[in-house]
Amino acid sequence: MNMILGKRHIILAALVLSLGIAVYLNWVYSTSGGDFVATETAATGESKNYGDSKYVSLDGEEVQVVANSAYFKEARLNRTKSRDEAVDSIKKMFKDASLTDEEKSALAVQATDIAQAIETEGTMENLIKAKGYEDCLVYMADNKVDIVVKSEGLQKEDVAKIKDIVLAQTDVPVENISITETK
């Protein structure tokens, strides 16, 4: 009994010591960066009040960028909502006791198709962004792929790159691929 109590005290002391060292190191590294900034502002005589408001005017280009980023966010949200509604309706149908095994297997296939579409859309969006495009959105439905790309003028080479990505990830025919540009 005495030996167990001794081991516990040693472990507790080691933990307290480790915690103390971690707090000390955190304090040393967090205060060293702030000293340089205060010295620099005192030497230049400039000081900023971070609570002050500053009025700025937006030109049309900046507003357009904000609108486009809002478009992509809203479109992704709408796509997610519609997919969630489809999955919920499939779940409700699964709970229906009057369904035959064939109907349940058809629902399972639909659920699998939705899951695969979500994964494929995400993969294609990431691959398109990796090609240098700022943002994009991919919709897959009924053996068709619709892509919205944020770009400053798509060239034929850009369209070919995007179509190559879609063809590599899906079995959709080329004539069923639609690419739309937004700025």
N, C-alpha and C. Protein backbone atom coordinates (compact mmCIF):
# COMPACT_ATOMS: atom_id res chain seq x y z
N MET A 1 0.82 -1.19 0.00
CA MET A 1 0.00 0.00 0.00
C MET A 1 0.87 1.26 0.00
N ASN A 2 1.89 1.24 0.81
CA ASN A 2 2.79 2.39 0.89
C ASN A 2 3.54 2.61 -0.41
N MET A 3 3.89 1.51 -1.09
CA MET A 3 4.64 1.60 -2.35
C MET A 3 3.77 2.20 -3.45
N ILE A 4 2.48 1.83 -3.49
CA ILE A 4 1.56 2.36 -4.49
C ILE A 4 1.38 3.86 -4.28
N LEU A 5 1.23 4.27 -3.02
CA LEU A 5 1.07 5.68 -2.72
C LEU A 5 2.32 6.46 -3.13
N GLY A 6 3.48 5.89 -2.97
CA GLY A 6 4.73 6.54 -3.37
C GLY A 6 4.83 6.70 -4.88
N LYS A 7 4.42 5.69 -5.63
CA LYS A 7 4.44 5.77 -7.09
C LYS A 7 3.48 6.84 -7.59
N ARG A 8 2.33 6.92 -6.95
CA ARG A 8 1.35 7.92 -7.34
C ARG A 8 1.89 9.33 -7.11
N HIS A 9 2.57 9.52 -5.99
CA HIS A 9 3.14 10.84 -5.71
C HIS A 9 4.20 11.21 -6.73
N ILE A 10 5.02 10.24 -7.13
CA ILE A 10 6.06 10.50 -8.12
C ILE A 10 5.44 10.86 -9.46
N ILE A 11 4.42 10.13 -9.87
CA ILE A 11 3.74 10.41 -11.14
C ILE A 11 3.07 11.78 -11.08
N LEU A 12 2.42 12.08 -9.96
CA LEU A 12 1.76 13.38 -9.80
C LEU A 12 2.78 14.52 -9.85
N ALA A 13 3.91 14.35 -9.19
CA ALA A 13 4.95 15.38 -9.20
C ALA A 13 5.50 15.58 -10.61
N ALA A 14 5.67 14.50 -11.36
CA ALA A 14 6.17 14.60 -12.74
C ALA A 14 5.16 15.34 -13.62
N LEU A 15 3.88 15.07 -13.44
CA LEU A 15 2.86 15.76 -14.22
C LEU A 15 2.80 17.25 -13.89
N VAL A 16 2.89 17.58 -12.60
CA VAL A 16 2.87 18.98 -12.19
C VAL A 16 4.09 19.70 -12.75
N LEU A 17 5.25 19.06 -12.71
CA LEU A 17 6.48 19.64 -13.25
C LEU A 17 6.35 19.85 -14.76
N SER A 18 5.80 18.87 -15.48
CA SER A 18 5.60 19.00 -16.94
C SER A 18 4.65 20.15 -17.25
N LEU A 19 3.59 20.26 -16.49
CA LEU A 19 2.64 21.34 -16.69
C LEU A 19 3.30 22.69 -16.45
N GLY A 20 4.09 22.78 -15.40
CA GLY A 20 4.81 24.02 -15.11
C GLY A 20 5.76 24.41 -16.22
N ILE A 21 6.48 23.45 -16.77
CA ILE A 21 7.41 23.71 -17.88
C ILE A 21 6.63 24.17 -19.11
N ALA A 22 5.51 23.52 -19.39
CA ALA A 22 4.70 23.90 -20.55
C ALA A 22 4.17 25.33 -20.41
N VAL A 23 3.71 25.70 -19.23
CA VAL A 23 3.20 27.05 -19.00
C VAL A 23 4.33 28.07 -19.15
N TYR A 24 5.50 27.76 -18.61
CA TYR A 24 6.65 28.66 -18.72
C TYR A 24 7.05 28.86 -20.18
N LEU A 25 7.15 27.77 -20.95
CA LEU A 25 7.54 27.88 -22.35
C LEU A 25 6.50 28.66 -23.15
N ASN A 26 5.24 28.44 -22.86
CA ASN A 26 4.17 29.19 -23.52
C ASN A 26 4.30 30.68 -23.22
N TRP A 27 4.58 31.02 -21.98
CA TRP A 27 4.73 32.41 -21.59
C TRP A 27 5.94 33.05 -22.27
N VAL A 28 7.06 32.32 -22.34
CA VAL A 28 8.28 32.86 -22.96
C VAL A 28 8.05 33.12 -24.44
N TYR A 29 7.46 32.16 -25.14
CA TYR A 29 7.28 32.32 -26.58
C TYR A 29 6.17 33.29 -26.94
N SER A 30 5.17 33.44 -26.11
CA SER A 30 4.09 34.36 -26.43
C SER A 30 4.46 35.81 -26.13
N THR A 31 5.33 36.06 -25.19
CA THR A 31 5.70 37.44 -24.87
C THR A 31 6.86 37.94 -25.72
N SER A 32 7.66 37.08 -26.28
CA SER A 32 8.82 37.54 -27.05
C SER A 32 8.40 38.22 -28.35
N GLY A 33 7.34 37.78 -29.00
CA GLY A 33 6.90 38.38 -30.26
C GLY A 33 6.29 39.75 -30.06
N GLY A 34 5.62 39.98 -28.95
CA GLY A 34 4.97 41.26 -28.71
C GLY A 34 5.95 42.38 -28.40
N ASP A 35 7.11 42.09 -27.83
CA ASP A 35 8.09 43.13 -27.49
C ASP A 35 8.59 43.85 -28.72
N PHE A 36 8.83 43.14 -29.79
CA PHE A 36 9.38 43.75 -30.99
C PHE A 36 8.40 44.72 -31.62
N VAL A 37 7.15 44.38 -31.63
CA VAL A 37 6.15 45.25 -32.25
C VAL A 37 6.00 46.54 -31.45
N ALA A 38 5.97 46.46 -30.12
CA ALA A 38 5.81 47.65 -29.30
C ALA A 38 7.01 48.57 -29.45
N THR A 39 8.21 48.03 -29.51
CA THR A 39 9.42 48.83 -29.67
C THR A 39 9.42 49.52 -31.02
N GLU A 40 9.01 48.82 -32.05
CA GLU A 40 9.00 49.38 -33.40
C GLU A 40 8.00 50.53 -33.52
N THR A 41 6.82 50.39 -32.96
CA THR A 41 5.84 51.46 -33.06
C THR A 41 6.25 52.65 -32.22
N ALA A 42 6.93 52.43 -31.11
CA ALA A 42 7.39 53.54 -30.30
C ALA A 42 8.49 54.31 -31.03
N ALA A 43 9.33 53.62 -31.78
CA ALA A 43 10.42 54.28 -32.50
C ALA A 43 9.89 55.10 -33.67
N THR A 44 8.87 54.62 -34.36
CA THR A 44 8.35 55.35 -35.52
C THR A 44 7.34 56.41 -35.12
N GLY A 45 6.82 56.32 -33.93
CA GLY A 45 5.85 57.31 -33.48
C GLY A 45 4.44 57.03 -33.94
N GLU A 46 4.22 55.94 -34.67
CA GLU A 46 2.89 55.60 -35.14
C GLU A 46 2.20 54.73 -34.11
N SER A 47 0.94 54.94 -33.96
CA SER A 47 0.15 54.05 -33.12
C SER A 47 -1.20 53.87 -33.79
N LYS A 48 -1.73 52.70 -33.65
CA LYS A 48 -3.02 52.40 -34.25
C LYS A 48 -4.01 52.09 -33.15
N ASN A 49 -5.19 52.56 -33.33
CA ASN A 49 -6.26 52.20 -32.44
C ASN A 49 -7.14 51.22 -33.20
N TYR A 50 -7.12 49.99 -32.79
CA TYR A 50 -7.81 48.96 -33.55
C TYR A 50 -9.32 49.02 -33.40
N GLY A 51 -9.82 49.86 -32.55
CA GLY A 51 -11.25 49.99 -32.40
C GLY A 51 -11.86 51.05 -33.31
N ASP A 52 -11.02 51.87 -33.96
CA ASP A 52 -11.53 52.92 -34.83
C ASP A 52 -12.16 52.32 -36.08
N SER A 53 -13.24 52.95 -36.52
CA SER A 53 -13.85 52.50 -37.77
C SER A 53 -13.27 53.30 -38.92
N LYS A 54 -13.22 52.68 -40.06
CA LYS A 54 -12.67 53.32 -41.24
C LYS A 54 -13.68 53.14 -42.37
N TYR A 55 -14.06 54.24 -42.99
CA TYR A 55 -15.03 54.18 -44.07
C TYR A 55 -14.31 53.93 -45.39
N VAL A 56 -14.81 52.99 -46.14
CA VAL A 56 -14.23 52.69 -47.44
C VAL A 56 -15.35 52.64 -48.46
N SER A 57 -15.00 52.94 -49.69
CA SER A 57 -15.99 52.82 -50.76
C SER A 57 -15.61 51.63 -51.62
N LEU A 58 -16.60 50.88 -52.01
CA LEU A 58 -16.37 49.70 -52.83
C LEU A 58 -16.65 50.04 -54.27
N ASP A 59 -15.74 49.63 -55.13
CA ASP A 59 -16.04 49.78 -56.55
C ASP A 59 -16.76 48.53 -57.03
N GLY A 60 -17.23 48.53 -58.25
CA GLY A 60 -18.03 47.43 -58.77
C GLY A 60 -17.31 46.11 -58.78
N GLU A 61 -16.00 46.11 -58.99
CA GLU A 61 -15.26 44.85 -59.09
C GLU A 61 -15.25 44.12 -57.75
N GLU A 62 -15.02 44.84 -56.66
CA GLU A 62 -15.00 44.20 -55.36
C GLU A 62 -16.37 43.66 -54.99
N VAL A 63 -17.41 44.39 -55.31
CA VAL A 63 -18.77 43.93 -55.04
C VAL A 63 -19.05 42.66 -55.82
N GLN A 64 -18.58 42.59 -57.05
CA GLN A 64 -18.78 41.41 -57.89
C GLN A 64 -18.11 40.20 -57.26
N VAL A 65 -16.91 40.37 -56.73
CA VAL A 65 -16.20 39.26 -56.10
C VAL A 65 -16.97 38.76 -54.90
N VAL A 66 -17.48 39.67 -54.09
CA VAL A 66 -18.27 39.28 -52.93
C VAL A 66 -19.52 38.54 -53.39
N ALA A 67 -20.17 39.04 -54.43
CA ALA A 67 -21.39 38.40 -54.92
C ALA A 67 -21.09 37.00 -55.44
N ASN A 68 -19.97 36.83 -56.15
CA ASN A 68 -19.63 35.51 -56.67
C ASN A 68 -19.30 34.53 -55.56
N SER A 69 -18.56 34.97 -54.54
CA SER A 69 -18.26 34.05 -53.46
C SER A 69 -19.54 33.68 -52.72
N ALA A 70 -20.46 34.63 -52.61
CA ALA A 70 -21.75 34.32 -51.99
C ALA A 70 -22.53 33.35 -52.87
N TYR A 71 -22.41 33.49 -54.19
CA TYR A 71 -23.10 32.57 -55.09
C TYR A 71 -22.63 31.14 -54.86
N PHE A 72 -21.32 30.93 -54.78
CA PHE A 72 -20.81 29.59 -54.60
C PHE A 72 -21.22 29.01 -53.24
N LYS A 73 -21.20 29.84 -52.21
CA LYS A 73 -21.62 29.37 -50.89
C LYS A 73 -23.09 28.99 -50.90
N GLU A 74 -23.92 29.85 -51.49
CA GLU A 74 -25.35 29.58 -51.53
C GLU A 74 -25.66 28.35 -52.38
N ALA A 75 -24.97 28.21 -53.50
CA ALA A 75 -25.21 27.06 -54.37
C ALA A 75 -24.82 25.77 -53.66
N ARG A 76 -23.70 25.79 -52.95
CA ARG A 76 -23.30 24.58 -52.20
C ARG A 76 -24.32 24.26 -51.11
N LEU A 77 -24.80 25.29 -50.44
CA LEU A 77 -25.80 25.08 -49.40
C LEU A 77 -27.08 24.50 -49.99
N ASN A 78 -27.53 25.04 -51.11
CA ASN A 78 -28.74 24.51 -51.76
C ASN A 78 -28.55 23.07 -52.21
N ARG A 79 -27.38 22.77 -52.75
CA ARG A 79 -27.10 21.40 -53.19
C ARG A 79 -27.12 20.45 -52.00
N THR A 80 -26.52 20.87 -50.89
CA THR A 80 -26.50 20.04 -49.70
C THR A 80 -27.91 19.83 -49.15
N LYS A 81 -28.71 20.90 -49.13
CA LYS A 81 -30.08 20.78 -48.64
C LYS A 81 -30.89 19.81 -49.49
N SER A 82 -30.78 19.92 -50.80
CA SER A 82 -31.57 19.04 -51.66
C SER A 82 -31.12 17.59 -51.50
N ARG A 83 -29.83 17.37 -51.35
CA ARG A 83 -29.34 16.00 -51.13
C ARG A 83 -29.81 15.46 -49.79
N ASP A 84 -29.79 16.31 -48.77
CA ASP A 84 -30.26 15.88 -47.45
C ASP A 84 -31.74 15.52 -47.49
N GLU A 85 -32.53 16.30 -48.22
CA GLU A 85 -33.95 15.99 -48.36
C GLU A 85 -34.16 14.67 -49.08
N ALA A 86 -33.37 14.42 -50.11
CA ALA A 86 -33.49 13.15 -50.84
C ALA A 86 -33.13 11.98 -49.94
N VAL A 87 -32.07 12.13 -49.16
CA VAL A 87 -31.65 11.06 -48.26
C VAL A 87 -32.71 10.83 -47.19
N ASP A 88 -33.30 11.92 -46.66
CA ASP A 88 -34.35 11.77 -45.65
C ASP A 88 -35.56 11.05 -46.22
N SER A 89 -35.95 11.38 -47.44
CA SER A 89 -37.10 10.69 -48.02
C SER A 89 -36.80 9.21 -48.26
N ILE A 90 -35.56 8.90 -48.64
CA ILE A 90 -35.19 7.49 -48.81
C ILE A 90 -35.23 6.77 -47.47
N LYS A 91 -34.77 7.43 -46.41
CA LYS A 91 -34.80 6.82 -45.08
C LYS A 91 -36.24 6.56 -44.64
N LYS A 92 -37.13 7.52 -44.92
CA LYS A 92 -38.53 7.34 -44.55
C LYS A 92 -39.14 6.17 -45.32
N MET A 93 -38.79 6.04 -46.59
CA MET A 93 -39.32 4.93 -47.38
C MET A 93 -38.79 3.60 -46.87
N PHE A 94 -37.54 3.58 -46.41
CA PHE A 94 -36.98 2.34 -45.88
C PHE A 94 -37.74 1.86 -44.65
N LYS A 95 -38.23 2.81 -43.86
CA LYS A 95 -38.95 2.45 -42.64
C LYS A 95 -40.35 1.93 -42.92
N ASP A 96 -40.83 2.11 -44.14
CA ASP A 96 -42.15 1.64 -44.51
C ASP A 96 -42.14 0.11 -44.53
N ALA A 97 -43.00 -0.48 -43.72
CA ALA A 97 -43.03 -1.94 -43.58
C ALA A 97 -43.64 -2.63 -44.79
N SER A 98 -44.40 -1.92 -45.60
CA SER A 98 -45.09 -2.56 -46.72
C SER A 98 -44.21 -2.71 -47.96
N LEU A 99 -42.97 -2.28 -47.91
CA LEU A 99 -42.09 -2.39 -49.07
C LEU A 99 -41.61 -3.82 -49.27
N THR A 100 -41.51 -4.20 -50.52
CA THR A 100 -40.97 -5.53 -50.83
C THR A 100 -39.45 -5.45 -50.82
N ASP A 101 -38.83 -6.61 -50.89
CA ASP A 101 -37.37 -6.65 -50.91
C ASP A 101 -36.81 -5.97 -52.15
N GLU A 102 -37.50 -6.10 -53.28
CA GLU A 102 -37.04 -5.45 -54.51
C GLU A 102 -37.08 -3.93 -54.39
N GLU A 103 -38.14 -3.42 -53.79
CA GLU A 103 -38.25 -1.98 -53.61
C GLU A 103 -37.18 -1.46 -52.64
N LYS A 104 -36.91 -2.24 -51.60
CA LYS A 104 -35.86 -1.84 -50.66
C LYS A 104 -34.49 -1.86 -51.32
N SER A 105 -34.24 -2.84 -52.18
CA SER A 105 -32.94 -2.88 -52.86
C SER A 105 -32.82 -1.72 -53.85
N ALA A 106 -33.94 -1.33 -54.48
CA ALA A 106 -33.91 -0.17 -55.38
C ALA A 106 -33.61 1.11 -54.60
N LEU A 107 -34.19 1.23 -53.40
CA LEU A 107 -33.89 2.39 -52.56
C LEU A 107 -32.43 2.39 -52.12
N ALA A 108 -31.90 1.21 -51.83
CA ALA A 108 -30.49 1.12 -51.45
C ALA A 108 -29.59 1.54 -52.59
N VAL A 109 -29.98 1.18 -53.81
CA VAL A 109 -29.20 1.59 -54.99
C VAL A 109 -29.25 3.11 -55.14
N GLN A 110 -30.44 3.71 -54.93
CA GLN A 110 -30.56 5.17 -55.02
C GLN A 110 -29.68 5.85 -53.97
N ALA A 111 -29.69 5.33 -52.75
CA ALA A 111 -28.86 5.91 -51.69
C ALA A 111 -27.38 5.80 -52.03
N THR A 112 -26.99 4.66 -52.59
CA THR A 112 -25.59 4.47 -53.00
C THR A 112 -25.23 5.43 -54.12
N ASP A 113 -26.14 5.62 -55.07
CA ASP A 113 -25.89 6.55 -56.17
C ASP A 113 -25.70 7.98 -55.67
N ILE A 114 -26.51 8.38 -54.71
CA ILE A 114 -26.38 9.72 -54.14
C ILE A 114 -25.03 9.87 -53.44
N ALA A 115 -24.66 8.86 -52.66
CA ALA A 115 -23.37 8.92 -51.96
C ALA A 115 -22.20 8.98 -52.95
N GLN A 116 -22.28 8.20 -54.01
CA GLN A 116 -21.21 8.23 -55.02
C GLN A 116 -21.17 9.57 -55.75
N ALA A 117 -22.34 10.14 -56.02
CA ALA A 117 -22.38 11.45 -56.69
C ALA A 117 -21.75 12.53 -55.82
N ILE A 118 -22.04 12.49 -54.53
CA ILE A 118 -21.46 13.47 -53.60
C ILE A 118 -19.95 13.35 -53.59
N GLU A 119 -19.46 12.13 -53.49
CA GLU A 119 -18.01 11.91 -53.46
C GLU A 119 -17.36 12.32 -54.78
N THR A 120 -17.97 11.96 -55.90
CA THR A 120 -17.40 12.30 -57.21
C THR A 120 -17.41 13.81 -57.44
N GLU A 121 -18.50 14.48 -57.04
CA GLU A 121 -18.55 15.93 -57.18
C GLU A 121 -17.43 16.60 -56.39
N GLY A 122 -17.24 16.15 -55.17
CA GLY A 122 -16.17 16.71 -54.35
C GLY A 122 -14.79 16.48 -54.94
N THR A 123 -14.58 15.28 -55.46
CA THR A 123 -13.29 14.96 -56.08
C THR A 123 -13.05 15.84 -57.30
N MET A 124 -14.06 15.97 -58.15
CA MET A 124 -13.91 16.79 -59.36
C MET A 124 -13.69 18.26 -59.00
N GLU A 125 -14.40 18.77 -58.00
CA GLU A 125 -14.20 20.16 -57.58
C GLU A 125 -12.76 20.38 -57.11
N ASN A 126 -12.24 19.45 -56.33
CA ASN A 126 -10.86 19.58 -55.85
C ASN A 126 -9.86 19.51 -57.00
N LEU A 127 -10.09 18.61 -57.94
CA LEU A 127 -9.17 18.50 -59.08
C LEU A 127 -9.21 19.74 -59.97
N ILE A 128 -10.39 20.30 -60.16
CA ILE A 128 -10.51 21.51 -60.98
C ILE A 128 -9.82 22.68 -60.28
N LYS A 129 -10.01 22.81 -58.98
CA LYS A 129 -9.33 23.87 -58.24
C LYS A 129 -7.82 23.68 -58.27
N ALA A 130 -7.37 22.42 -58.28
CA ALA A 130 -5.93 22.15 -58.34
C ALA A 130 -5.34 22.58 -59.68
N LYS A 131 -6.15 22.69 -60.71
CA LYS A 131 -5.67 23.15 -62.01
C LYS A 131 -5.50 24.67 -62.06
N GLY A 132 -5.81 25.35 -60.96
CA GLY A 132 -5.56 26.78 -60.89
C GLY A 132 -6.79 27.66 -60.90
N TYR A 133 -7.97 27.08 -60.86
CA TYR A 133 -9.19 27.89 -60.85
C TYR A 133 -9.53 28.23 -59.41
N GLU A 134 -10.01 29.45 -59.21
CA GLU A 134 -10.25 29.93 -57.85
C GLU A 134 -11.35 29.15 -57.15
N ASP A 135 -12.45 28.92 -57.84
CA ASP A 135 -13.57 28.19 -57.24
C ASP A 135 -14.37 27.53 -58.34
N CYS A 136 -15.06 26.48 -57.99
CA CYS A 136 -15.93 25.79 -58.94
C CYS A 136 -16.99 25.02 -58.19
N LEU A 137 -18.02 24.64 -58.92
CA LEU A 137 -19.12 23.89 -58.37
C LEU A 137 -19.55 22.86 -59.40
N VAL A 138 -19.71 21.62 -58.96
CA VAL A 138 -20.06 20.53 -59.87
C VAL A 138 -21.40 19.94 -59.44
N TYR A 139 -22.31 19.79 -60.40
CA TYR A 139 -23.60 19.14 -60.19
C TYR A 139 -23.64 17.88 -61.05
N MET A 140 -24.03 16.77 -60.45
CA MET A 140 -24.20 15.53 -61.21
C MET A 140 -25.63 15.05 -61.02
N ALA A 141 -26.31 14.79 -62.12
CA ALA A 141 -27.67 14.25 -62.05
C ALA A 141 -28.05 13.69 -63.41
N ASP A 142 -28.70 12.55 -63.40
CA ASP A 142 -29.26 11.94 -64.61
C ASP A 142 -28.26 11.83 -65.75
N ASN A 143 -27.10 11.32 -65.46
CA ASN A 143 -26.04 11.11 -66.46
C ASN A 143 -25.63 12.41 -67.15
N LYS A 144 -25.70 13.52 -66.39
CA LYS A 144 -25.26 14.83 -66.87
C LYS A 144 -24.37 15.45 -65.81
N VAL A 145 -23.42 16.26 -66.25
CA VAL A 145 -22.55 16.98 -65.33
C VAL A 145 -22.57 18.45 -65.72
N ASP A 146 -22.94 19.30 -64.76
CA ASP A 146 -22.91 20.75 -64.95
C ASP A 146 -21.84 21.32 -64.04
N ILE A 147 -20.97 22.16 -64.61
CA ILE A 147 -19.86 22.72 -63.86
C ILE A 147 -19.92 24.24 -63.98
N VAL A 148 -19.81 24.92 -62.85
CA VAL A 148 -19.70 26.37 -62.82
C VAL A 148 -18.30 26.69 -62.32
N VAL A 149 -17.53 27.44 -63.13
CA VAL A 149 -16.14 27.73 -62.81
C VAL A 149 -15.97 29.24 -62.67
N LYS A 150 -15.29 29.64 -61.60
CA LYS A 150 -14.95 31.05 -61.44
C LYS A 150 -13.64 31.29 -62.16
N SER A 151 -13.70 32.10 -63.22
CA SER A 151 -12.53 32.31 -64.07
C SER A 151 -12.62 33.65 -64.77
N GLU A 152 -11.49 34.12 -65.23
CA GLU A 152 -11.42 35.37 -66.00
C GLU A 152 -11.28 35.05 -67.48
N GLY A 153 -12.18 34.32 -68.03
CA GLY A 153 -12.15 33.99 -69.45
C GLY A 153 -11.62 32.59 -69.70
N LEU A 154 -12.51 31.67 -69.95
CA LEU A 154 -12.11 30.29 -70.23
C LEU A 154 -11.69 30.16 -71.69
N GLN A 155 -10.57 29.55 -71.90
CA GLN A 155 -10.08 29.26 -73.25
C GLN A 155 -10.44 27.83 -73.61
N LYS A 156 -10.24 27.45 -74.85
CA LYS A 156 -10.53 26.09 -75.29
C LYS A 156 -9.69 25.08 -74.51
N GLU A 157 -8.45 25.46 -74.20
CA GLU A 157 -7.57 24.55 -73.44
C GLU A 157 -8.11 24.33 -72.03
N ASP A 158 -8.67 25.40 -71.43
CA ASP A 158 -9.24 25.29 -70.09
C ASP A 158 -10.45 24.36 -70.10
N VAL A 159 -11.30 24.52 -71.10
CA VAL A 159 -12.48 23.66 -71.22
C VAL A 159 -12.05 22.21 -71.41
N ALA A 160 -11.02 21.99 -72.20
CA ALA A 160 -10.52 20.63 -72.43
C ALA A 160 -9.98 20.02 -71.14
N LYS A 161 -9.27 20.81 -70.33
CA LYS A 161 -8.76 20.32 -69.05
C LYS A 161 -9.90 19.88 -68.14
N ILE A 162 -10.93 20.72 -68.07
CA ILE A 162 -12.06 20.42 -67.19
C ILE A 162 -12.81 19.19 -67.69
N LYS A 163 -13.02 19.10 -69.00
CA LYS A 163 -13.70 17.92 -69.54
C LYS A 163 -12.89 16.65 -69.32
N ASP A 164 -11.56 16.75 -69.41
CA ASP A 164 -10.71 15.58 -69.14
C ASP A 164 -10.89 15.10 -67.71
N ILE A 165 -10.99 16.03 -66.78
CA ILE A 165 -11.21 15.65 -65.38
C ILE A 165 -12.54 14.93 -65.23
N VAL A 166 -13.59 15.48 -65.84
CA VAL A 166 -14.92 14.86 -65.74
C VAL A 166 -14.93 13.48 -66.37
N LEU A 167 -14.32 13.36 -67.54
CA LEU A 167 -14.30 12.06 -68.23
C LEU A 167 -13.49 11.03 -67.46
N ALA A 168 -12.45 11.46 -66.76
CA ALA A 168 -11.65 10.52 -65.98
C ALA A 168 -12.39 10.05 -64.73
N GLN A 169 -13.28 10.88 -64.20
CA GLN A 169 -13.96 10.55 -62.95
C GLN A 169 -15.33 9.91 -63.15
N THR A 170 -15.92 10.09 -64.33
CA THR A 170 -17.28 9.59 -64.56
C THR A 170 -17.36 8.88 -65.90
N ASP A 171 -18.52 8.29 -66.15
CA ASP A 171 -18.80 7.66 -67.44
C ASP A 171 -19.77 8.51 -68.27
N VAL A 172 -19.85 9.79 -67.98
CA VAL A 172 -20.77 10.69 -68.66
C VAL A 172 -20.22 11.00 -70.05
N PRO A 173 -21.06 10.91 -71.09
CA PRO A 173 -20.59 11.27 -72.43
C PRO A 173 -20.27 12.77 -72.53
N VAL A 174 -19.38 13.10 -73.45
CA VAL A 174 -18.90 14.48 -73.60
C VAL A 174 -20.05 15.44 -73.88
N GLU A 175 -21.03 15.01 -74.66
CA GLU A 175 -22.14 15.91 -74.99
C GLU A 175 -23.02 16.23 -73.79
N ASN A 176 -22.89 15.49 -72.69
CA ASN A 176 -23.68 15.75 -71.49
C ASN A 176 -22.90 16.53 -70.43
N ILE A 177 -21.77 17.12 -70.83
CA ILE A 177 -20.97 17.93 -69.90
C ILE A 177 -21.19 19.39 -70.26
N SER A 178 -21.63 20.16 -69.29
CA SER A 178 -21.88 21.59 -69.48
C SER A 178 -20.96 22.38 -68.56
N ILE A 179 -20.22 23.34 -69.12
CA ILE A 179 -19.30 24.17 -68.34
C ILE A 179 -19.75 25.62 -68.47
N THR A 180 -19.98 26.26 -67.33
CA THR A 180 -20.41 27.65 -67.30
C THR A 180 -19.35 28.46 -66.55
N GLU A 181 -19.04 29.62 -67.09
CA GLU A 181 -18.03 30.48 -66.48
C GLU A 181 -18.72 31.61 -65.73
N THR A 182 -18.18 31.95 -64.57
CA THR A 182 -18.62 33.12 -63.84
C THR A 182 -17.39 33.89 -63.40
N LYS A 183 -17.51 35.19 -63.33
CA LYS A 183 -16.36 36.02 -62.96
C LYS A 183 -16.48 36.52 -61.56
